[in-house]
């Protein structure tokens, strides 16, 4: 009986769905893959679909170039179908995205009167970007009214 209970508990832990969060415009918030944020007093939701690629130079390796981290978000207003967007950003070793823009790098989108911008991506790779599992990523955003 105890073994059956242990098996049920262990298998249940592997499929934990991240808790949805409610956010206010202008305030930074962090999402895990598949986690949803709802903008307070609106029917706008943002979901971090996941990290599509991480080309940042690991901090323990000397690289000639540092690349961006790419991610996908899904944005939905009310009962409209969700729309997916691909975003990219460079980050410093502490995961923070620069305030400026880079040609060819889309770190923000505009949707239904709101701007959604990537502010940071963690963790930062240490030895190899392969060391980070998709489920370990956390992306911080800010939403502002246009």
Protein backbone atom coordinates (compact mmCIF):
# COMPACT_ATOMS: atom_id res chain seq x y z
CA UNK A 1 0.00 0.00 0.00
CA UNK A 2 2.78 2.43 0.91
CA UNK A 3 4.64 1.61 -2.31
CA UNK A 4 1.50 2.35 -4.37
CA UNK A 5 1.06 5.70 -2.61
CA UNK A 6 4.71 6.57 -3.26
CA UNK A 7 4.37 5.73 -6.97
CA UNK A 8 1.25 7.89 -7.28
CA UNK A 9 2.97 10.81 -5.56
CA UNK A 10 6.12 10.55 -7.67
CA UNK A 11 4.30 10.29 -10.99
CA UNK A 12 2.07 13.22 -10.08
CA UNK A 13 5.08 15.48 -9.43
CA UNK A 14 6.34 15.21 -13.02
CA UNK A 15 3.31 16.88 -14.56
CA UNK A 16 2.95 20.02 -12.47
CA UNK A 17 1.32 22.86 -14.40
CA UNK A 18 2.71 26.32 -13.55
CA UNK A 19 0.26 28.49 -11.63
CA UNK A 20 -1.29 31.34 -13.67
CA UNK A 21 -0.42 34.87 -12.51
CA UNK A 22 -2.20 38.21 -12.72
CA UNK A 23 0.00 41.18 -13.63
CA UNK A 24 -0.40 44.94 -13.87
CA UNK A 25 0.84 47.12 -16.75
CA UNK A 26 4.34 48.47 -16.20
CA UNK A 27 5.30 45.82 -13.64
CA UNK A 28 7.83 43.11 -14.48
CA UNK A 29 6.65 39.51 -14.15
CA UNK A 30 8.32 36.17 -14.71
CA UNK A 31 6.91 33.12 -16.50
CA UNK A 32 8.02 29.51 -16.70
CA UNK A 33 7.38 27.56 -19.92
CA UNK A 34 3.61 27.06 -20.42
CA UNK A 35 2.76 29.45 -17.60
CA UNK A 36 0.05 32.05 -18.30
CA UNK A 37 -0.17 35.68 -17.18
CA UNK A 38 -3.40 37.65 -17.31
CA UNK A 39 -3.20 41.43 -17.51
CA UNK A 40 -5.27 42.81 -14.61
CA UNK A 41 -8.67 44.27 -15.50
CA UNK A 42 -8.38 43.04 -19.11
CA UNK A 43 -9.03 39.86 -21.02
CA UNK A 44 -5.45 39.73 -22.36
CA UNK A 45 -3.38 36.62 -21.60
CA UNK A 46 0.27 35.88 -22.35
CA UNK A 47 1.75 32.39 -22.29
CA UNK A 48 5.43 31.53 -22.52
CA UNK A 49 5.34 28.68 -25.03
CA UNK A 50 9.03 27.95 -24.56
CA UNK A 51 12.64 28.63 -25.48
CA UNK A 52 13.31 27.98 -29.17
CA UNK A 53 17.10 28.36 -28.94
CA UNK A 54 19.84 29.73 -26.73
CA UNK A 55 22.95 31.00 -28.51
CA UNK A 56 24.33 33.00 -25.59
CA UNK A 57 28.02 32.40 -24.92
CA UNK A 58 28.36 30.41 -21.68
CA UNK A 59 30.10 32.40 -18.94
CA UNK A 60 32.87 29.80 -18.44
CA UNK A 61 33.79 29.73 -22.15
CA UNK A 62 35.53 32.39 -24.22
CA UNK A 63 33.57 33.01 -27.42
CA UNK A 64 34.23 35.19 -30.45
CA UNK A 65 30.54 36.12 -30.59
CA UNK A 66 27.56 36.11 -28.27
CA UNK A 67 24.21 35.20 -29.78
CA UNK A 68 20.62 35.81 -28.75
CA UNK A 69 18.17 33.64 -26.88
CA UNK A 70 14.98 32.92 -28.87
CA UNK A 71 11.58 32.26 -27.37
CA UNK A 72 7.95 31.91 -28.37
CA UNK A 73 4.97 33.49 -26.66
CA UNK A 74 1.26 33.09 -27.27
CA UNK A 75 -0.99 36.12 -26.77
CA UNK A 76 -4.78 36.02 -26.65
CA UNK A 77 -7.49 38.59 -26.13
CA UNK A 78 -10.88 37.37 -24.86
CA UNK A 79 -12.21 34.51 -26.97
CA UNK A 80 -10.12 35.35 -30.04
CA UNK A 81 -7.73 32.64 -31.20
CA UNK A 82 -4.25 32.84 -29.63
CA UNK A 83 -1.46 34.34 -31.76
CA UNK A 84 2.12 33.12 -31.45
CA UNK A 85 5.10 35.46 -31.67
CA UNK A 86 8.81 34.67 -31.93
CA UNK A 87 11.03 36.95 -29.87
CA UNK A 88 14.79 37.23 -29.44
CA UNK A 89 17.05 39.15 -27.11
CA UNK A 90 20.64 39.41 -26.04
CA UNK A 91 21.32 39.29 -22.31
CA UNK A 92 24.18 40.07 -19.96
CA UNK A 93 25.62 37.33 -17.76
CA UNK A 94 22.98 38.19 -15.14
CA UNK A 95 20.23 37.47 -17.70
CA UNK A 96 19.09 41.09 -18.14
CA UNK A 97 18.21 42.28 -21.64
CA UNK A 98 19.64 45.63 -22.76
CA UNK A 99 17.32 48.64 -22.87
CA UNK A 100 18.25 49.50 -26.46
CA UNK A 101 17.16 47.79 -29.65
CA UNK A 102 19.26 45.79 -32.10
CA UNK A 103 18.62 45.60 -35.82
CA UNK A 104 17.05 42.26 -36.72
CA UNK A 105 16.33 41.36 -33.07
CA UNK A 106 12.67 41.47 -32.00
CA UNK A 107 12.58 41.67 -28.21
CA UNK A 108 9.10 43.23 -28.09
CA UNK A 109 5.80 43.05 -29.89
CA UNK A 110 2.69 45.18 -30.07
CA UNK A 111 -0.68 43.51 -29.72
CA UNK A 112 -4.14 45.05 -29.29
CA UNK A 113 -2.81 48.33 -27.86
CA UNK A 114 -0.18 46.74 -25.59
CA UNK A 115 3.59 46.41 -25.90
CA UNK A 116 5.06 43.19 -24.52
CA UNK A 117 8.83 43.25 -23.98
CA UNK A 118 11.39 40.68 -22.79
CA UNK A 119 13.37 42.02 -19.81
CA UNK A 120 15.45 38.98 -18.82
CA UNK A 121 16.04 35.29 -19.48
CA UNK A 122 17.45 32.99 -16.82
CA UNK A 123 19.35 30.87 -16.15
CA UNK A 124 22.41 32.08 -18.04
CA UNK A 125 24.46 29.18 -19.46
CA UNK A 126 27.66 28.45 -17.53
CA UNK A 127 29.45 25.73 -19.52
CA UNK A 128 27.02 24.95 -22.36
CA UNK A 129 23.51 25.99 -23.32
CA UNK A 130 22.71 22.27 -23.50
CA UNK A 131 23.04 22.11 -19.71
CA UNK A 132 19.74 23.99 -19.26
CA UNK A 133 16.52 22.00 -19.51
CA UNK A 134 13.58 23.79 -21.13
CA UNK A 135 11.60 23.57 -17.89
CA UNK A 136 14.35 25.48 -16.03
CA UNK A 137 14.04 28.68 -18.07
CA UNK A 138 12.34 31.74 -16.61
CA UNK A 139 11.57 34.76 -18.76
CA UNK A 140 10.72 38.15 -17.32
CA UNK A 141 8.44 40.46 -19.29
CA UNK A 142 6.86 43.87 -18.92
CA UNK A 143 3.57 44.92 -20.56
CA UNK A 144 2.77 48.55 -21.19
CA UNK A 145 -0.19 50.28 -22.77
CA UNK A 146 0.52 51.88 -26.13
